[in-house]
Protein backbone atom coordinates (compact mmCIF):
# COMPACT_ATOMS: atom_id res chain seq x y z
CA MET A 1 2.97 -10.05 5.01
CA ILE A 2 1.33 -6.79 6.03
CA GLN A 3 3.66 -4.49 7.90
CA GLU A 4 3.12 -0.97 9.27
CA LEU A 5 5.81 1.53 8.28
CA ASP A 6 6.64 5.13 9.06
CA THR A 7 8.73 7.47 6.91
CA ASN A 8 12.02 6.21 8.35
CA GLY A 9 11.00 2.58 7.87
CA PHE A 10 9.98 3.25 4.28
CA ASP A 11 13.27 5.00 3.52
CA GLN A 12 15.26 2.06 4.95
CA LEU A 13 13.16 -0.57 3.19
CA ASP A 14 14.85 -2.82 0.63
CA LYS A 15 12.78 -1.87 -2.40
CA SER A 16 14.03 -4.60 -4.72
CA GLY A 17 11.27 -6.76 -6.13
CA SER A 18 7.55 -6.03 -6.08
CA MET A 19 5.46 -4.61 -3.24
CA MET A 20 2.39 -2.58 -2.39
CA VAL A 21 2.29 0.46 -0.11
CA GLU A 22 -1.09 1.60 1.18
CA PHE A 23 -1.66 5.01 2.76
CA TYR A 24 -4.59 5.08 5.18
CA SER A 25 -6.10 7.19 7.92
CA LYS A 26 -7.36 5.85 11.25
CA VAL A 27 -10.56 7.92 10.89
CA CYS A 28 -11.33 6.75 7.33
CA GLY A 29 -14.24 4.31 6.95
CA PRO A 30 -13.19 3.06 3.49
CA CYS A 31 -9.64 2.53 4.84
CA LYS A 32 -11.01 0.28 7.58
CA MET A 33 -12.98 -1.75 5.01
CA LEU A 34 -9.91 -1.97 2.76
CA ALA A 35 -7.92 -3.41 5.68
CA PHE A 36 -10.18 -6.49 5.58
CA VAL A 37 -9.61 -6.87 1.83
CA LEU A 38 -5.83 -6.56 2.27
CA ARG A 39 -5.80 -9.19 5.02
CA ASP A 40 -7.64 -11.55 2.67
CA ILE A 41 -5.13 -10.84 -0.11
CA ASP A 42 -2.28 -11.39 2.36
CA LYS A 43 -3.64 -14.88 3.09
CA ALA A 44 -3.87 -15.64 -0.65
CA LYS A 45 -0.43 -14.16 -1.46
CA PRO A 46 1.62 -14.54 1.74
CA ASP A 47 4.95 -13.93 -0.03
CA PHE A 48 3.85 -10.59 -1.50
CA PRO A 49 4.87 -7.69 0.78
CA ILE A 50 2.11 -5.25 1.71
CA TYR A 51 3.05 -2.17 3.71
CA THR A 52 0.68 0.30 5.36
CA ILE A 53 1.54 3.89 6.21
CA ASP A 54 -0.52 6.27 8.34
CA PHE A 55 -1.37 9.24 6.10
CA ASP A 56 -1.74 11.64 9.02
CA GLU A 57 1.53 10.77 10.77
CA ASN A 58 3.86 10.76 7.72
CA LYS A 59 3.25 14.10 6.04
CA GLU A 60 6.73 14.45 4.52
CA LEU A 61 6.55 11.00 2.91
CA LYS A 62 3.06 11.49 1.50
CA GLU A 63 4.14 14.80 -0.04
CA ARG A 64 7.31 13.25 -1.48
CA LEU A 65 5.28 10.43 -3.07
CA GLY A 66 2.49 12.74 -4.27
CA VAL A 67 -0.19 11.12 -2.12
CA LYS A 68 -3.15 13.50 -1.88
CA GLY A 69 -5.83 11.36 -0.25
CA PHE A 70 -6.65 7.98 1.22
CA PRO A 71 -6.95 5.12 0.90
CA ILE A 72 -4.41 4.91 -1.87
CA MET A 73 -2.30 1.95 -2.93
CA LEU A 74 1.06 2.38 -4.63
CA PHE A 75 2.45 -0.62 -6.49
CA LEU A 76 6.24 -0.60 -6.67
CA LYS A 77 8.67 -2.71 -8.67
CA ASP A 78 12.35 -2.33 -7.82
CA GLY A 79 11.61 0.96 -6.07
CA GLU A 80 9.71 2.53 -8.98
CA GLU A 81 5.98 3.21 -8.87
CA VAL A 82 4.29 1.28 -11.67
CA ASN A 83 0.65 1.65 -10.66
CA ARG A 84 -1.55 3.61 -8.27
CA ILE A 85 -5.11 2.83 -7.21
CA THR A 86 -7.17 5.30 -5.21
CA GLY A 87 -10.19 4.53 -3.06
CA LEU A 88 -11.80 1.42 -1.70
CA GLN A 89 -11.35 -1.45 -4.15
CA GLN A 90 -12.50 -5.04 -4.19
CA LYS A 91 -10.09 -7.96 -4.05
CA PRO A 92 -10.10 -8.79 -7.82
CA ALA A 93 -8.92 -5.30 -8.82
CA ILE A 94 -6.09 -5.33 -6.27
CA VAL A 95 -5.02 -8.90 -7.12
CA LYS A 96 -4.94 -7.94 -10.81
CA ALA A 97 -2.63 -5.00 -10.05
CA ILE A 98 -0.38 -7.27 -7.97
CA ASP A 99 -0.25 -9.94 -10.67
CA GLU A 100 0.79 -7.31 -13.23
CA ILE A 101 3.98 -6.50 -11.29
CA LEU A 102 4.99 -10.04 -10.30
């Protein structure tokens, strides 16, 4: 399930288990292409939570998490970051990162 979050939503999120958080910008071409890849992954792994956060509208959260650019995907397990992938990636690389934390 892909769900849009803001800082407040992220802070209230139950972070137990595994999940991916993607920071994007509405004006970013690679972010728009990555959205298609993430939708495809969501179809293949419907029980894996994918969250998206607008980089430009959540400055405090991006600073707290050390996010410097976009697109960037943070892979979390029980609230701890275990992997980070920057830039447009193809489905196999993202699925591999997901499989490593499941």
